[in-house]
N, C-alpha and C. Protein backbone atom coordinates (compact mmCIF):
# COMPACT_ATOMS: atom_id res chain seq x y z
N UNK A 1 14.73 5.25 8.38
CA UNK A 1 13.93 4.33 7.45
C UNK A 1 12.77 4.32 7.54
N UNK A 2 11.78 4.46 6.54
CA UNK A 2 10.32 3.97 6.22
C UNK A 2 10.10 2.71 5.67
N UNK A 3 8.67 2.43 6.86
CA UNK A 3 8.24 0.74 6.23
C UNK A 3 6.87 1.22 6.09
N UNK A 4 6.18 0.30 5.24
CA UNK A 4 5.00 0.44 4.79
C UNK A 4 4.79 -0.55 5.16
N UNK A 5 3.59 -1.20 5.66
CA UNK A 5 3.04 -2.49 6.06
C UNK A 5 1.66 -2.66 5.70
N UNK A 6 1.31 -3.58 4.77
CA UNK A 6 -0.13 -3.33 4.12
C UNK A 6 -0.66 -5.05 5.05
N UNK A 7 -1.77 -5.01 5.11
CA UNK A 7 -2.80 -5.92 6.04
C UNK A 7 -3.90 -6.10 5.24
N UNK A 8 -4.82 -7.46 5.72
CA UNK A 8 -6.32 -7.27 4.90
C UNK A 8 -6.32 -8.52 3.52
N UNK A 9 -5.66 -8.58 3.34
CA UNK A 9 -5.62 -9.16 2.11
C UNK A 9 -6.42 -10.54 2.13
N UNK A 10 -6.53 -11.76 1.43
CA UNK A 10 -7.02 -13.01 1.31
C UNK A 10 -7.86 -13.53 0.43
N UNK A 11 -8.80 -14.18 0.66
CA UNK A 11 -9.52 -15.07 -0.58
C UNK A 11 -10.62 -14.57 0.17
N UNK A 12 -11.55 -14.36 -0.96
CA UNK A 12 -12.79 -14.00 -0.92
C UNK A 12 -13.75 -14.46 -2.32
N UNK A 13 -15.21 -14.58 -2.02
CA UNK A 13 -15.92 -15.17 -2.98
C UNK A 13 -16.14 -13.93 -4.10
N UNK A 14 -17.02 -14.04 -5.00
CA UNK A 14 -16.98 -12.77 -6.46
C UNK A 14 -18.57 -12.23 -5.33
N UNK A 15 -18.41 -10.99 -5.79
CA UNK A 15 -19.17 -10.35 -4.78
C UNK A 15 -18.99 -9.87 -3.47
N UNK A 16 -18.16 -10.72 -2.90
CA UNK A 16 -17.53 -10.09 -1.22
C UNK A 16 -17.16 -8.76 -1.21
N UNK A 17 -16.28 -8.67 0.13
CA UNK A 17 -15.69 -7.35 0.19
C UNK A 17 -14.58 -7.77 1.20
N UNK A 18 -13.62 -6.76 0.78
CA UNK A 18 -12.22 -6.87 1.59
C UNK A 18 -11.84 -5.26 1.85
N UNK A 19 -11.58 -5.36 3.32
CA UNK A 19 -10.82 -4.01 3.53
C UNK A 19 -9.28 -3.95 3.86
N UNK A 20 -8.44 -3.56 3.06
CA UNK A 20 -7.25 -3.45 3.28
C UNK A 20 -6.68 -1.96 3.92
N UNK A 21 -5.69 -2.25 4.51
CA UNK A 21 -5.11 -1.23 5.16
C UNK A 21 -3.24 -1.33 5.00
N UNK A 22 -2.85 -0.04 5.40
CA UNK A 22 -1.47 0.11 5.34
C UNK A 22 -1.01 1.38 6.35
N UNK A 23 0.06 1.12 6.72
CA UNK A 23 0.36 1.67 7.71
C UNK A 23 1.89 2.11 7.78
N UNK A 24 2.31 3.12 7.61
CA UNK A 24 3.55 3.81 7.45
C UNK A 24 4.37 3.88 9.21
N UNK A 25 5.67 3.50 9.06
CA UNK A 25 6.38 4.01 10.20
C UNK A 25 7.91 4.54 9.68
N UNK A 26 8.34 5.01 11.07
CA UNK A 26 9.74 5.24 10.33
C UNK A 26 9.73 7.06 10.12
N UNK A 27 10.73 7.54 9.80
CA UNK A 27 10.81 9.31 9.42
C UNK A 27 10.26 9.65 8.55
N UNK A 28 9.19 9.35 8.00
CA UNK A 28 8.88 9.89 7.13
C UNK A 28 8.27 11.32 7.18
N UNK A 29 8.23 11.91 6.17
CA UNK A 29 7.91 13.59 6.18
C UNK A 29 6.54 13.64 5.58
N UNK A 30 6.24 14.93 5.50
CA UNK A 30 5.28 15.46 5.01
C UNK A 30 5.05 14.26 3.64
N UNK A 31 3.47 13.97 3.88
CA UNK A 31 3.11 12.96 2.95
C UNK A 31 2.20 13.80 1.92
N UNK A 32 2.49 14.02 0.37
CA UNK A 32 1.58 14.65 -0.52
C UNK A 32 0.32 13.01 -0.93
N UNK A 33 0.57 12.34 -1.62
CA UNK A 33 -0.40 11.50 -2.33
C UNK A 33 -0.14 10.09 -1.43
N UNK A 34 -1.06 8.99 -0.96
CA UNK A 34 -1.20 7.88 -0.64
C UNK A 34 -2.20 6.88 -1.54
N UNK A 35 -1.41 5.95 -1.71
CA UNK A 35 -2.36 5.05 -3.22
C UNK A 35 -2.12 3.32 -3.31
N UNK A 36 -3.03 3.16 -3.85
CA UNK A 36 -2.92 1.70 -3.87
C UNK A 36 -3.01 1.63 -5.31
N UNK A 37 -1.87 0.35 -5.64
CA UNK A 37 -1.78 -0.55 -6.98
C UNK A 37 -1.61 -1.59 -6.87
N UNK A 38 -1.77 -2.55 -8.17
CA UNK A 38 -2.06 -4.15 -7.86
C UNK A 38 -1.49 -4.46 -9.29
N UNK A 39 -1.23 -5.96 -9.24
CA UNK A 39 -0.41 -6.36 -10.38
C UNK A 39 -0.64 -7.90 -10.39
N UNK A 40 -1.52 -8.27 -11.31
CA UNK A 40 -2.03 -9.40 -11.21
C UNK A 40 -0.95 -10.13 -12.29
N UNK A 41 -0.79 -11.90 -11.96
CA UNK A 41 -0.03 -12.36 -13.32
C UNK A 41 0.47 -12.21 -14.59
N UNK A 42 1.61 -11.85 -14.90
CA UNK A 42 1.73 -11.88 -15.90
C UNK A 42 1.36 -10.15 -16.62
N UNK A 43 0.93 -9.54 -15.71
CA UNK A 43 0.45 -8.10 -15.91
C UNK A 43 1.38 -6.84 -15.34
N UNK A 44 1.38 -5.42 -15.65
CA UNK A 44 2.09 -4.67 -15.57
C UNK A 44 1.38 -4.22 -14.11
N UNK A 45 2.04 -3.62 -13.39
CA UNK A 45 1.64 -2.94 -11.96
C UNK A 45 0.53 -2.05 -12.39
N UNK A 46 -0.81 -1.78 -12.01
CA UNK A 46 -1.54 -0.33 -12.15
C UNK A 46 -1.92 0.44 -11.23
N UNK A 47 -2.48 1.67 -11.53
CA UNK A 47 -3.01 2.56 -10.19
C UNK A 47 -4.35 2.03 -10.11
N UNK A 48 -4.84 1.43 -8.57
CA UNK A 48 -6.14 1.58 -8.24
C UNK A 48 -6.70 2.68 -7.85
N UNK A 49 -6.13 2.97 -7.08
CA UNK A 49 -6.78 4.85 -6.24
C UNK A 49 -6.00 5.33 -5.54
N UNK A 50 -5.80 6.59 -5.58
CA UNK A 50 -4.67 7.58 -5.01
C UNK A 50 -5.97 8.65 -4.23
N UNK A 51 -5.31 9.21 -2.81
CA UNK A 51 -5.72 10.01 -2.66
C UNK A 51 -5.00 11.41 -1.83
N UNK A 52 -5.15 12.40 -1.72
CA UNK A 52 -4.15 13.39 -1.63
C UNK A 52 -4.34 13.93 -0.35
N UNK A 53 -3.46 14.68 0.52
CA UNK A 53 -3.51 15.07 1.65
C UNK A 53 -4.76 15.75 1.89
N UNK A 54 -5.44 16.64 0.96
CA UNK A 54 -6.71 17.49 0.97
C UNK A 54 -7.52 16.45 1.13
N UNK A 55 -8.06 15.03 0.50
CA UNK A 55 -8.61 14.24 0.57
C UNK A 55 -8.85 13.71 -1.21
N UNK A 56 -8.86 14.66 -1.98
CA UNK A 56 -9.19 14.17 -3.14
C UNK A 56 -8.42 12.98 -3.52
N UNK A 57 -9.87 12.24 -4.34
CA UNK A 57 -9.59 11.16 -4.86
C UNK A 57 -9.37 10.73 -6.67
N UNK A 58 -8.95 9.93 -6.51
CA UNK A 58 -8.58 9.30 -7.91
C UNK A 58 -8.84 8.01 -8.33
N UNK A 59 -9.81 7.32 -8.89
CA UNK A 59 -10.07 5.93 -9.20
C UNK A 59 -9.78 4.96 -10.63
N UNK A 60 -9.32 4.19 -10.61
CA UNK A 60 -8.76 3.71 -11.74
C UNK A 60 -10.92 2.98 -12.19
N UNK A 61 -10.88 3.75 -13.75
CA UNK A 61 -12.42 3.18 -14.15
C UNK A 61 -12.49 1.66 -13.85
N UNK A 62 -11.98 1.04 -13.63
CA UNK A 62 -12.44 -0.53 -13.50
C UNK A 62 -12.63 -0.73 -12.05
N UNK A 63 -12.48 0.05 -11.14
CA UNK A 63 -12.78 -0.04 -9.78
C UNK A 63 -14.10 1.14 -9.08
N UNK A 64 -14.23 2.01 -9.98
CA UNK A 64 -14.78 3.21 -9.56
C UNK A 64 -16.32 2.66 -9.40
N UNK A 65 -16.86 3.27 -7.99
CA UNK A 65 -18.18 3.08 -7.15
C UNK A 65 -18.54 1.55 -6.73
N UNK A 66 -16.55 0.54 -6.86
CA UNK A 66 -16.90 -0.34 -6.32
C UNK A 66 -15.94 -0.27 -4.74
N UNK A 67 -14.63 0.35 -4.82
CA UNK A 67 -13.73 0.53 -4.46
C UNK A 67 -13.75 2.17 -3.57
N UNK A 68 -13.28 2.28 -2.15
CA UNK A 68 -13.44 3.46 -2.04
C UNK A 68 -11.84 3.67 -1.06
N UNK A 69 -11.23 4.50 -1.53
CA UNK A 69 -9.50 4.85 -0.74
C UNK A 69 -10.28 5.85 0.63
N UNK A 70 -9.43 5.65 1.40
CA UNK A 70 -9.48 6.78 2.72
C UNK A 70 -8.17 6.71 3.42
N UNK A 71 -7.90 7.65 3.96
CA UNK A 71 -6.71 8.00 4.77
C UNK A 71 -6.81 8.55 6.05
N UNK A 72 -5.98 8.57 7.14
CA UNK A 72 -5.83 9.27 8.55
C UNK A 72 -4.65 9.77 8.69
N UNK A 73 -4.52 11.60 8.35
CA UNK A 73 -3.63 11.80 8.09
C UNK A 73 -2.46 11.83 9.57
N UNK A 74 -3.26 11.71 10.67
CA UNK A 74 -2.49 11.61 11.87
C UNK A 74 -2.11 10.51 11.97
N UNK A 75 -2.44 9.27 11.73
CA UNK A 75 -1.46 7.95 11.60
C UNK A 75 -0.74 7.57 10.85
N UNK A 76 -0.62 8.21 9.26
CA UNK A 76 -0.21 8.01 8.37
C UNK A 76 -0.58 6.50 7.80
N UNK A 77 -1.68 6.35 7.52
CA UNK A 77 -2.07 5.58 7.23
C UNK A 77 -3.47 5.26 5.86
N UNK A 78 -3.28 4.24 5.09
CA UNK A 78 -4.48 4.73 4.34
C UNK A 78 -5.37 3.36 3.87
N UNK A 79 -6.28 3.49 3.45
CA UNK A 79 -6.81 2.03 3.56
C UNK A 79 -7.99 1.91 2.18
N UNK A 80 -8.29 0.71 1.88
CA UNK A 80 -8.78 0.27 0.42
C UNK A 80 -9.80 -0.40 0.82
N UNK A 81 -11.14 0.19 1.04
CA UNK A 81 -12.50 -0.79 0.78
C UNK A 81 -13.10 -1.51 -0.52
N UNK A 82 -12.84 -2.55 -0.46
CA UNK A 82 -13.47 -3.31 -1.77
C UNK A 82 -14.66 -3.93 -1.56
N UNK A 83 -15.49 -3.59 -2.45
CA UNK A 83 -17.00 -4.06 -2.30
C UNK A 83 -16.94 -5.00 -4.09
N UNK A 84 -18.29 -5.39 -4.13
CA UNK A 84 -18.26 -6.30 -5.33
C UNK A 84 -16.98 -6.89 -5.78
N UNK A 85 -16.35 -7.37 -5.20
CA UNK A 85 -15.31 -8.04 -5.96
C UNK A 85 -15.41 -9.05 -7.20
N UNK A 86 -14.82 -8.74 -8.13
CA UNK A 86 -14.60 -9.62 -9.28
C UNK A 86 -13.34 -10.36 -9.54
N UNK A 87 -13.52 -11.36 -9.60
CA UNK A 87 -12.05 -12.38 -10.27
C UNK A 87 -11.10 -11.88 -10.87
N UNK A 88 -11.32 -10.35 -11.91
CA UNK A 88 -10.48 -9.77 -12.18
C UNK A 88 -9.39 -8.86 -11.32
N UNK A 89 -10.21 -8.87 -9.84
CA UNK A 89 -9.47 -8.19 -9.20
C UNK A 89 -8.65 -8.81 -8.64
N UNK A 90 -7.97 -10.07 -8.70
CA UNK A 90 -7.16 -10.80 -8.11
C UNK A 90 -5.79 -10.28 -8.59
N UNK A 91 -5.50 -10.24 -7.43
CA UNK A 91 -4.17 -9.19 -7.74
C UNK A 91 -3.25 -9.41 -6.48
N UNK A 92 -1.64 -9.10 -6.63
CA UNK A 92 -1.13 -8.35 -5.11
C UNK A 92 -1.56 -6.92 -5.32
N UNK A 93 -1.51 -6.32 -4.13
CA UNK A 93 -2.17 -4.82 -3.89
C UNK A 93 -0.60 -4.69 -2.93
N UNK A 94 -0.49 -3.10 -3.46
CA UNK A 94 0.42 -2.30 -3.10
C UNK A 94 0.15 -1.22 -2.50
N UNK A 95 0.99 -0.75 -1.63
CA UNK A 95 0.56 1.02 -0.77
C UNK A 95 1.64 1.63 -1.20
N UNK A 96 1.50 2.52 -1.58
CA UNK A 96 2.64 3.55 -1.80
C UNK A 96 2.12 5.20 -1.28
N UNK A 97 3.49 5.32 -0.86
CA UNK A 97 3.19 7.18 -0.31
C UNK A 97 4.34 7.94 -0.94
N UNK A 98 4.10 8.80 -0.89
CA UNK A 98 4.39 10.16 -1.76
C UNK A 98 4.94 11.14 -0.58
N UNK A 99 6.11 11.68 -0.87
CA UNK A 99 6.47 12.54 0.29
C UNK A 99 6.62 13.70 -0.74
N UNK A 100 6.05 15.11 0.09
CA UNK A 100 6.17 16.40 -1.08
C UNK A 100 7.56 16.58 -1.56
N UNK A 101 8.39 15.79 -1.12
CA UNK A 101 10.02 16.43 -1.58
C UNK A 101 10.28 15.41 -2.70
N UNK A 102 9.37 14.85 -2.81
CA UNK A 102 9.56 13.91 -4.08
C UNK A 102 9.96 12.46 -3.62
N UNK A 103 10.19 12.14 -2.74
CA UNK A 103 10.79 10.78 -2.49
C UNK A 103 9.36 9.90 -2.14
N UNK A 104 8.83 8.30 -2.50
CA UNK A 104 8.11 7.74 -2.42
C UNK A 104 8.67 5.89 -1.98
N UNK A 105 7.38 5.77 -1.37
CA UNK A 105 7.82 4.35 -0.52
C UNK A 105 6.89 3.60 -1.24
N UNK A 106 7.22 2.21 -1.59
CA UNK A 106 6.47 0.98 -1.48
C UNK A 106 6.57 0.11 -0.15
N UNK A 107 4.87 -0.23 -0.04
CA UNK A 107 4.76 -1.67 1.17
C UNK A 107 5.31 -2.74 0.24
N UNK A 108 5.44 -4.19 0.85
CA UNK A 108 5.47 -5.31 0.01
C UNK A 108 4.51 -6.07 -0.45
N UNK A 109 3.15 -5.55 -0.08
CA UNK A 109 2.44 -6.38 -1.06
C UNK A 109 1.28 -7.14 -0.18
N UNK A 110 -0.35 -7.19 -0.39
CA UNK A 110 -0.87 -7.97 -0.10
C UNK A 110 -1.85 -8.91 -0.84
N UNK A 111 -1.44 -10.08 -0.56
CA UNK A 111 -2.41 -11.27 -1.90
C UNK A 111 -3.80 -11.03 -1.43
N UNK A 112 -4.79 -10.33 -2.80
CA UNK A 112 -6.25 -10.71 -3.03
C UNK A 112 -6.56 -11.79 -3.68
N UNK A 113 -7.47 -12.78 -3.66
CA UNK A 113 -7.75 -13.25 -4.17
C UNK A 113 -9.20 -13.75 -4.31
N UNK A 114 -9.92 -13.87 -5.43
CA UNK A 114 -11.63 -13.54 -5.92
C UNK A 114 -11.88 -14.50 -6.52
N UNK A 115 -12.33 -15.71 -5.93
CA UNK A 115 -12.58 -16.84 -6.59
C UNK A 115 -13.78 -17.52 -5.73
N UNK A 116 -14.53 -18.59 -6.54
CA UNK A 116 -15.56 -19.12 -5.96
C UNK A 116 -15.02 -20.65 -5.37
């Protein structure tokens, strides 16, 4: 069984920074993509950023030039460095791992609140 555990969420003032981390444990096989998603109250879950096993990245327009996704293949982790945070970034952030066989896994989510 595979478990994804996120960490690093919290309360930060506008303009501040946070770093989220997600670690996978268990019998996870070849990972194709790793991603971060978020869901604000009353809104649908949306893609924030995704990174492939080769290192190519894709970002939502709303976070480009502010957020950076990274991964450590050997440790089955994915990180999200978030800078210049805005109140509209407030959401529960989830990590997601995609295996090459088509299976995917979600973390339990970590709350990020941007407020003065």
